[in-house]
Amino acid sequence: MKTMISKNELTIRAAEALRAVLAEVSGTRVREISHPSLGKESASVFTASVEVYGNRHMLACEIASDAQPAHLRPLLDELRGSIADSHLNATPVIIAPHIDEEARTICNENRAGFLDLEGNARIALGEVFILKRTIPHAARHTATNHNPKPAAHHTAA
């Protein structure tokens, strides 16, 4: 069963997820996350000013409630247009509840980073490249609950 969350809640969760993944990388510090449209139900873009070993980087993050490949290319085009207006050197990053393998490939082909709320990420920040993959929940459940029976021990008489 899918749970619907508001765009504002998704924006807050996306910013928290971005902070968390960047906090795992030594030499990386989030200086500021700006939500220009927070409070409006149309909030879907925010920027993050990040410092990596003393060098500043800007991330332009687009929140996609649905990161289906058919919706992703137009979303990336729109994000690139908004970056061109304000932050020429910003790295585009798509953030979604889930980003499947095909969507990840589209992000890679378009030189965009991605982050999903399941803990997967790929973001290039000049000196640092972040690549994080999580085990899918079903596989994790199987791995932790798999208790093979010990092999029978035979002795020769």
N, C-alpha and C. Protein backbone atom coordinates (compact mmCIF):
# COMPACT_ATOMS: atom_id res chain seq x y z
N MET A 1 0.83 -1.17 0.00
CA MET A 1 0.00 0.00 0.00
C MET A 1 0.89 1.24 0.00
N LYS A 2 0.67 2.15 -0.93
CA LYS A 2 1.43 3.39 -1.00
C LYS A 2 0.85 4.42 -0.06
N THR A 3 1.74 5.15 0.59
CA THR A 3 1.31 6.22 1.46
C THR A 3 1.57 7.53 0.75
N MET A 4 0.57 8.37 0.65
CA MET A 4 0.74 9.66 0.01
C MET A 4 1.25 10.67 1.04
N ILE A 5 2.29 11.38 0.67
CA ILE A 5 2.79 12.43 1.55
C ILE A 5 2.76 13.74 0.78
N SER A 6 2.63 14.83 1.51
CA SER A 6 2.55 16.14 0.86
C SER A 6 3.91 16.51 0.28
N LYS A 7 3.88 17.45 -0.67
CA LYS A 7 5.13 17.92 -1.27
C LYS A 7 6.02 18.59 -0.23
N ASN A 8 5.42 19.32 0.69
CA ASN A 8 6.23 19.96 1.74
C ASN A 8 6.93 18.92 2.61
N GLU A 9 6.20 17.87 3.00
CA GLU A 9 6.80 16.81 3.80
C GLU A 9 7.89 16.10 3.01
N LEU A 10 7.64 15.85 1.72
CA LEU A 10 8.64 15.22 0.88
C LEU A 10 9.88 16.11 0.75
N THR A 11 9.68 17.42 0.63
CA THR A 11 10.80 18.35 0.56
C THR A 11 11.64 18.30 1.82
N ILE A 12 11.00 18.28 2.97
CA ILE A 12 11.71 18.22 4.25
C ILE A 12 12.47 16.90 4.36
N ARG A 13 11.82 15.80 4.01
CA ARG A 13 12.48 14.50 4.07
C ARG A 13 13.64 14.43 3.08
N ALA A 14 13.48 15.03 1.91
CA ALA A 14 14.55 15.03 0.91
C ALA A 14 15.76 15.80 1.42
N ALA A 15 15.53 16.96 2.03
CA ALA A 15 16.63 17.76 2.57
C ALA A 15 17.34 17.00 3.70
N GLU A 16 16.57 16.33 4.55
CA GLU A 16 17.17 15.54 5.64
C GLU A 16 18.00 14.39 5.07
N ALA A 17 17.49 13.73 4.03
CA ALA A 17 18.23 12.62 3.40
C ALA A 17 19.52 13.13 2.77
N LEU A 18 19.47 14.29 2.14
CA LEU A 18 20.66 14.87 1.54
C LEU A 18 21.69 15.20 2.62
N ARG A 19 21.24 15.84 3.70
CA ARG A 19 22.15 16.13 4.82
C ARG A 19 22.79 14.84 5.35
N ALA A 20 21.99 13.80 5.50
CA ALA A 20 22.49 12.54 6.06
C ALA A 20 23.54 11.91 5.16
N VAL A 21 23.29 11.86 3.85
CA VAL A 21 24.27 11.21 2.96
C VAL A 21 25.55 12.05 2.88
N LEU A 22 25.44 13.37 2.90
CA LEU A 22 26.63 14.21 2.86
C LEU A 22 27.41 14.15 4.17
N ALA A 23 26.73 13.95 5.29
CA ALA A 23 27.39 13.86 6.59
C ALA A 23 28.27 12.61 6.69
N GLU A 24 27.99 11.61 5.87
CA GLU A 24 28.78 10.37 5.89
C GLU A 24 30.13 10.53 5.20
N VAL A 25 30.34 11.64 4.50
CA VAL A 25 31.56 11.84 3.72
C VAL A 25 32.46 12.82 4.45
N SER A 26 33.65 12.36 4.83
CA SER A 26 34.57 13.26 5.53
C SER A 26 35.02 14.37 4.59
N GLY A 27 35.24 15.52 5.15
CA GLY A 27 35.65 16.68 4.36
C GLY A 27 34.50 17.41 3.69
N THR A 28 33.29 16.93 3.92
CA THR A 28 32.10 17.53 3.30
C THR A 28 31.23 18.15 4.38
N ARG A 29 30.78 19.37 4.11
CA ARG A 29 29.94 20.07 5.09
C ARG A 29 28.83 20.81 4.36
N VAL A 30 27.60 20.64 4.82
CA VAL A 30 26.47 21.37 4.26
C VAL A 30 26.48 22.75 4.90
N ARG A 31 26.61 23.78 4.08
CA ARG A 31 26.62 25.15 4.60
C ARG A 31 25.21 25.70 4.72
N GLU A 32 24.38 25.43 3.71
CA GLU A 32 23.01 25.96 3.73
C GLU A 32 22.13 25.16 2.78
N ILE A 33 20.91 24.95 3.20
CA ILE A 33 19.88 24.40 2.31
C ILE A 33 18.79 25.44 2.23
N SER A 34 18.48 25.85 1.02
CA SER A 34 17.51 26.91 0.79
C SER A 34 16.26 26.35 0.14
N HIS A 35 15.12 26.62 0.75
CA HIS A 35 13.82 26.18 0.24
C HIS A 35 13.04 27.41 -0.23
N PRO A 36 13.29 27.90 -1.43
CA PRO A 36 12.62 29.13 -1.85
C PRO A 36 11.11 29.04 -1.91
N SER A 37 10.57 27.84 -2.11
CA SER A 37 9.12 27.75 -2.24
C SER A 37 8.48 26.90 -1.16
N LEU A 38 9.19 26.65 -0.04
CA LEU A 38 8.62 25.86 1.04
C LEU A 38 7.40 26.57 1.60
N GLY A 39 6.38 25.82 1.86
CA GLY A 39 5.12 26.40 2.33
C GLY A 39 4.10 26.43 1.22
N LYS A 40 4.57 26.44 -0.01
CA LYS A 40 3.65 26.37 -1.16
C LYS A 40 3.51 24.90 -1.52
N GLU A 41 2.34 24.49 -1.88
CA GLU A 41 2.13 23.09 -2.22
C GLU A 41 2.91 22.69 -3.47
N SER A 42 3.39 23.67 -4.25
CA SER A 42 4.16 23.35 -5.45
C SER A 42 5.65 23.25 -5.17
N ALA A 43 6.06 23.30 -3.89
CA ALA A 43 7.48 23.23 -3.55
C ALA A 43 8.09 21.93 -4.09
N SER A 44 9.08 22.05 -4.97
CA SER A 44 9.73 20.84 -5.46
C SER A 44 11.20 21.07 -5.78
N VAL A 45 11.70 22.28 -5.59
CA VAL A 45 13.10 22.58 -5.88
C VAL A 45 13.72 23.25 -4.66
N PHE A 46 14.93 22.81 -4.33
CA PHE A 46 15.70 23.52 -3.31
C PHE A 46 17.16 23.45 -3.69
N THR A 47 17.96 24.32 -3.09
CA THR A 47 19.39 24.32 -3.36
C THR A 47 20.13 24.00 -2.07
N ALA A 48 21.31 23.43 -2.24
CA ALA A 48 22.17 23.14 -1.11
C ALA A 48 23.57 23.65 -1.43
N SER A 49 24.08 24.48 -0.54
CA SER A 49 25.45 24.95 -0.65
C SER A 49 26.31 24.00 0.18
N VAL A 50 27.27 23.36 -0.47
CA VAL A 50 28.08 22.33 0.16
C VAL A 50 29.55 22.71 0.04
N GLU A 51 30.29 22.47 1.09
CA GLU A 51 31.73 22.70 1.07
C GLU A 51 32.43 21.36 1.11
N VAL A 52 33.34 21.15 0.16
CA VAL A 52 34.12 19.91 0.09
C VAL A 52 35.59 20.30 0.13
N TYR A 53 36.24 19.95 1.24
CA TYR A 53 37.65 20.30 1.44
C TYR A 53 37.93 21.77 1.13
N GLY A 54 37.04 22.63 1.59
CA GLY A 54 37.21 24.07 1.44
C GLY A 54 36.68 24.65 0.13
N ASN A 55 36.26 23.82 -0.80
CA ASN A 55 35.72 24.28 -2.08
C ASN A 55 34.20 24.23 -2.04
N ARG A 56 33.57 25.31 -2.49
CA ARG A 56 32.11 25.38 -2.48
C ARG A 56 31.51 24.75 -3.73
N HIS A 57 30.39 24.09 -3.51
CA HIS A 57 29.62 23.49 -4.60
C HIS A 57 28.15 23.78 -4.34
N MET A 58 27.40 23.92 -5.40
CA MET A 58 25.97 24.16 -5.30
C MET A 58 25.24 22.96 -5.89
N LEU A 59 24.27 22.45 -5.16
CA LEU A 59 23.40 21.39 -5.66
C LEU A 59 22.03 21.98 -5.89
N ALA A 60 21.47 21.75 -7.06
CA ALA A 60 20.10 22.16 -7.36
C ALA A 60 19.28 20.88 -7.34
N CYS A 61 18.43 20.76 -6.34
CA CYS A 61 17.71 19.51 -6.11
C CYS A 61 16.26 19.63 -6.54
N GLU A 62 15.83 18.68 -7.33
CA GLU A 62 14.44 18.59 -7.79
C GLU A 62 13.82 17.38 -7.12
N ILE A 63 12.71 17.58 -6.48
CA ILE A 63 12.03 16.49 -5.80
C ILE A 63 10.98 15.92 -6.74
N ALA A 64 11.10 14.63 -6.95
CA ALA A 64 10.17 13.94 -7.85
C ALA A 64 9.37 12.94 -7.03
N SER A 65 8.08 13.18 -6.89
CA SER A 65 7.26 12.21 -6.16
C SER A 65 7.16 10.92 -6.96
N ASP A 66 7.38 11.02 -8.27
CA ASP A 66 7.35 9.86 -9.15
C ASP A 66 8.56 9.97 -10.09
N ALA A 67 9.55 9.14 -9.88
CA ALA A 67 10.76 9.19 -10.70
C ALA A 67 10.72 8.16 -11.82
N GLN A 68 9.54 7.99 -12.41
CA GLN A 68 9.41 7.09 -13.55
C GLN A 68 10.22 7.64 -14.72
N PRO A 69 10.91 6.79 -15.46
CA PRO A 69 11.74 7.26 -16.57
C PRO A 69 11.02 8.19 -17.55
N ALA A 70 9.76 7.97 -17.83
CA ALA A 70 9.03 8.83 -18.77
C ALA A 70 8.90 10.25 -18.23
N HIS A 71 8.84 10.42 -16.93
CA HIS A 71 8.71 11.74 -16.32
C HIS A 71 10.07 12.38 -16.04
N LEU A 72 11.11 11.57 -16.00
CA LEU A 72 12.42 12.05 -15.55
C LEU A 72 13.12 12.97 -16.54
N ARG A 73 13.09 12.65 -17.82
CA ARG A 73 13.78 13.50 -18.80
C ARG A 73 13.21 14.92 -18.83
N PRO A 74 11.88 15.10 -18.89
CA PRO A 74 11.35 16.47 -18.84
C PRO A 74 11.67 17.18 -17.52
N LEU A 75 11.69 16.43 -16.44
CA LEU A 75 12.02 16.99 -15.13
C LEU A 75 13.47 17.49 -15.11
N LEU A 76 14.37 16.70 -15.69
CA LEU A 76 15.78 17.12 -15.77
C LEU A 76 15.94 18.35 -16.67
N ASP A 77 15.21 18.40 -17.78
CA ASP A 77 15.26 19.57 -18.66
C ASP A 77 14.78 20.82 -17.92
N GLU A 78 13.70 20.67 -17.16
CA GLU A 78 13.16 21.79 -16.38
C GLU A 78 14.16 22.23 -15.31
N LEU A 79 14.78 21.27 -14.65
CA LEU A 79 15.77 21.58 -13.61
C LEU A 79 16.97 22.30 -14.22
N ARG A 80 17.44 21.83 -15.35
CA ARG A 80 18.58 22.49 -16.01
C ARG A 80 18.22 23.93 -16.40
N GLY A 81 16.98 24.15 -16.82
CA GLY A 81 16.54 25.51 -17.15
C GLY A 81 16.54 26.41 -15.93
N SER A 82 16.07 25.91 -14.80
CA SER A 82 16.06 26.73 -13.59
C SER A 82 17.46 26.96 -13.06
N ILE A 83 18.37 25.99 -13.25
CA ILE A 83 19.77 26.17 -12.84
C ILE A 83 20.41 27.27 -13.68
N ALA A 84 20.16 27.23 -14.98
CA ALA A 84 20.76 28.22 -15.88
C ALA A 84 20.36 29.64 -15.48
N ASP A 85 19.15 29.79 -14.95
CA ASP A 85 18.69 31.11 -14.55
C ASP A 85 19.41 31.65 -13.31
N SER A 86 19.81 30.76 -12.40
CA SER A 86 20.34 31.26 -11.14
C SER A 86 21.70 30.73 -10.72
N HIS A 87 22.02 29.48 -11.01
CA HIS A 87 23.27 28.88 -10.53
C HIS A 87 23.94 28.13 -11.69
N LEU A 88 24.76 28.84 -12.44
CA LEU A 88 25.36 28.25 -13.63
C LEU A 88 26.13 26.96 -13.38
N ASN A 89 26.84 26.89 -12.26
CA ASN A 89 27.69 25.73 -12.01
C ASN A 89 27.09 24.72 -11.04
N ALA A 90 25.81 24.79 -10.83
CA ALA A 90 25.16 23.87 -9.89
C ALA A 90 25.07 22.47 -10.48
N THR A 91 25.16 21.50 -9.61
CA THR A 91 24.98 20.10 -9.99
C THR A 91 23.51 19.74 -9.80
N PRO A 92 22.84 19.28 -10.85
CA PRO A 92 21.44 18.86 -10.68
C PRO A 92 21.37 17.54 -9.93
N VAL A 93 20.40 17.44 -9.02
CA VAL A 93 20.19 16.21 -8.25
C VAL A 93 18.69 15.94 -8.20
N ILE A 94 18.31 14.74 -8.58
CA ILE A 94 16.91 14.30 -8.48
C ILE A 94 16.77 13.54 -7.16
N ILE A 95 15.77 13.91 -6.38
CA ILE A 95 15.50 13.21 -5.11
C ILE A 95 14.07 12.69 -5.17
N ALA A 96 13.92 11.40 -4.85
CA ALA A 96 12.61 10.75 -4.92
C ALA A 96 12.51 9.67 -3.85
N PRO A 97 11.28 9.26 -3.55
CA PRO A 97 11.14 8.16 -2.59
C PRO A 97 11.85 6.89 -3.07
N HIS A 98 11.78 6.61 -4.38
CA HIS A 98 12.45 5.45 -4.95
C HIS A 98 12.92 5.79 -6.36
N ILE A 99 14.13 5.40 -6.68
CA ILE A 99 14.67 5.59 -8.03
C ILE A 99 15.16 4.24 -8.52
N ASP A 100 14.51 3.73 -9.57
CA ASP A 100 14.87 2.40 -10.06
C ASP A 100 16.11 2.48 -10.96
N GLU A 101 16.57 1.32 -11.40
CA GLU A 101 17.80 1.24 -12.18
C GLU A 101 17.73 2.03 -13.48
N GLU A 102 16.60 1.98 -14.18
CA GLU A 102 16.45 2.73 -15.43
C GLU A 102 16.52 4.24 -15.18
N ALA A 103 15.89 4.70 -14.11
CA ALA A 103 15.94 6.12 -13.76
C ALA A 103 17.36 6.54 -13.38
N ARG A 104 18.08 5.67 -12.69
CA ARG A 104 19.48 5.95 -12.34
C ARG A 104 20.32 6.12 -13.60
N THR A 105 20.08 5.26 -14.58
CA THR A 105 20.81 5.34 -15.84
C THR A 105 20.52 6.67 -16.54
N ILE A 106 19.27 7.10 -16.54
CA ILE A 106 18.90 8.38 -17.15
C ILE A 106 19.61 9.53 -16.43
N CYS A 107 19.66 9.49 -15.11
CA CYS A 107 20.37 10.53 -14.36
C CYS A 107 21.85 10.53 -14.74
N ASN A 108 22.47 9.36 -14.80
CA ASN A 108 23.89 9.26 -15.17
C ASN A 108 24.13 9.83 -16.56
N GLU A 109 23.27 9.46 -17.52
CA GLU A 109 23.43 9.94 -18.90
C GLU A 109 23.29 11.45 -18.98
N ASN A 110 22.52 12.05 -18.08
CA ASN A 110 22.29 13.49 -18.08
C ASN A 110 23.18 14.24 -17.10
N ARG A 111 24.19 13.56 -16.59
CA ARG A 111 25.13 14.15 -15.63
C ARG A 111 24.42 14.78 -14.44
N ALA A 112 23.42 14.08 -13.97
CA ALA A 112 22.67 14.53 -12.80
C ALA A 112 22.88 13.52 -11.68
N GLY A 113 22.93 14.02 -10.47
CA GLY A 113 23.00 13.13 -9.33
C GLY A 113 21.61 12.64 -8.97
N PHE A 114 21.56 11.63 -8.11
CA PHE A 114 20.28 11.18 -7.60
C PHE A 114 20.43 10.74 -6.16
N LEU A 115 19.31 10.79 -5.48
CA LEU A 115 19.23 10.36 -4.09
C LEU A 115 17.81 9.88 -3.88
N ASP A 116 17.66 8.69 -3.30
CA ASP A 116 16.30 8.28 -2.97
C ASP A 116 16.18 8.09 -1.46
N LEU A 117 14.96 8.07 -1.01
CA LEU A 117 14.71 8.00 0.43
C LEU A 117 14.93 6.60 0.98
N GLU A 118 15.36 5.68 0.13
CA GLU A 118 15.73 4.33 0.56
C GLU A 118 17.21 4.24 0.87
N GLY A 119 17.95 5.33 0.61
CA GLY A 119 19.37 5.37 0.94
C GLY A 119 20.32 5.20 -0.22
N ASN A 120 19.83 5.17 -1.45
CA ASN A 120 20.68 5.07 -2.62
C ASN A 120 21.05 6.47 -3.09
N ALA A 121 22.30 6.65 -3.49
CA ALA A 121 22.73 7.97 -3.94
C ALA A 121 23.89 7.86 -4.92
N ARG A 122 23.97 8.85 -5.79
CA ARG A 122 25.11 9.04 -6.69
C ARG A 122 25.20 10.53 -6.94
N ILE A 123 26.22 11.17 -6.37
CA ILE A 123 26.38 12.62 -6.49
C ILE A 123 27.86 12.92 -6.68
N ALA A 124 28.20 13.67 -7.72
CA ALA A 124 29.57 14.10 -7.95
C ALA A 124 29.72 15.53 -7.46
N LEU A 125 30.69 15.72 -6.58
CA LEU A 125 30.94 17.05 -6.01
C LEU A 125 32.40 17.43 -6.24
N GLY A 126 32.82 17.54 -7.46
CA GLY A 126 34.19 17.93 -7.75
C GLY A 126 35.19 16.92 -7.23
N GLU A 127 35.71 17.17 -6.03
CA GLU A 127 36.75 16.34 -5.43
C GLU A 127 36.20 15.02 -4.88
N VAL A 128 34.91 14.94 -4.71
CA VAL A 128 34.29 13.78 -4.07
C VAL A 128 33.19 13.21 -4.96
N PHE A 129 33.17 11.90 -5.03
CA PHE A 129 32.11 11.20 -5.75
C PHE A 129 31.42 10.29 -4.74
N ILE A 130 30.13 10.48 -4.56
CA ILE A 130 29.37 9.69 -3.60
C ILE A 130 28.56 8.65 -4.37
N LEU A 131 28.75 7.40 -4.01
CA LEU A 131 27.96 6.32 -4.58
C LEU A 131 27.55 5.43 -3.42
N LYS A 132 26.27 5.32 -3.21
CA LYS A 132 25.75 4.55 -2.09
C LYS A 132 24.61 3.67 -2.58
N ARG A 133 24.70 2.39 -2.31
CA ARG A 133 23.65 1.44 -2.71
C ARG A 133 23.18 0.71 -1.47
N THR A 134 21.88 0.57 -1.33
CA THR A 134 21.33 -0.19 -0.22
C THR A 134 20.78 -1.50 -0.75
N ILE A 135 20.66 -2.45 0.14
CA ILE A 135 20.06 -3.73 -0.22
C ILE A 135 18.56 -3.54 -0.21
N PRO A 136 17.86 -3.96 -1.27
CA PRO A 136 16.40 -3.84 -1.27
C PRO A 136 15.81 -4.54 -0.05
N HIS A 137 14.72 -3.97 0.45
CA HIS A 137 14.10 -4.46 1.68
C HIS A 137 13.80 -5.96 1.62
N ALA A 138 13.26 -6.46 0.53
CA ALA A 138 12.91 -7.88 0.42
C ALA A 138 14.16 -8.75 0.52
N ALA A 139 15.25 -8.34 -0.13
CA ALA A 139 16.49 -9.12 -0.08
C ALA A 139 17.09 -9.06 1.32
N ARG A 140 17.01 -7.90 1.97
CA ARG A 140 17.53 -7.74 3.32
C ARG A 140 16.77 -8.66 4.27
N HIS A 141 15.45 -8.72 4.11
CA HIS A 141 14.61 -9.57 4.96
C HIS A 141 14.99 -11.04 4.78
N THR A 142 15.19 -11.45 3.55
CA THR A 142 15.56 -12.84 3.26
C THR A 142 16.93 -13.15 3.85
N ALA A 143 17.88 -12.24 3.70
CA ALA A 143 19.24 -12.47 4.19
C ALA A 143 19.27 -12.59 5.71
N THR A 144 18.50 -11.80 6.42
CA THR A 144 18.55 -11.84 7.88
C THR A 144 17.73 -12.97 8.46
N ASN A 145 16.79 -13.51 7.72
CA ASN A 145 15.95 -14.58 8.22
C ASN A 145 16.33 -15.95 7.66
N HIS A 146 17.42 -16.01 6.94
CA HIS A 146 17.84 -17.26 6.33
C HIS A 146 18.70 -18.02 7.33
N ASN A 147 18.18 -19.08 7.87
CA ASN A 147 18.91 -19.91 8.82
C ASN A 147 19.04 -21.31 8.24
N PRO A 148 20.10 -21.58 7.49
CA PRO A 148 20.24 -22.91 6.91
C PRO A 148 20.45 -23.94 8.01
N LYS A 149 19.92 -25.14 7.79
CA LYS A 149 20.10 -26.21 8.75
C LYS A 149 21.53 -26.67 8.68
N PRO A 150 22.11 -26.97 9.82
CA PRO A 150 23.50 -27.45 9.79
C PRO A 150 23.57 -28.78 9.02
N ALA A 151 24.66 -28.94 8.34
CA ALA A 151 24.84 -30.19 7.57
C ALA A 151 24.98 -31.36 8.54
N ALA A 152 24.44 -32.47 8.12
CA ALA A 152 24.54 -33.69 8.95
C ALA A 152 25.99 -34.14 8.97
N HIS A 153 26.42 -34.61 10.12
CA HIS A 153 27.80 -35.02 10.27
C HIS A 153 27.85 -36.54 10.25
N HIS A 154 28.56 -37.09 9.32
CA HIS A 154 28.65 -38.56 9.22
C HIS A 154 30.04 -38.99 9.66
N THR A 155 30.09 -40.02 10.45
CA THR A 155 31.38 -40.59 10.85
C THR A 155 31.44 -42.02 10.35
N ALA A 156 32.58 -42.41 9.92
CA ALA A 156 32.76 -43.78 9.42
C ALA A 156 32.94 -44.70 10.61
N ALA A 157 32.30 -45.85 10.53
CA ALA A 157 32.41 -46.79 11.64
C ALA A 157 33.38 -47.88 11.34
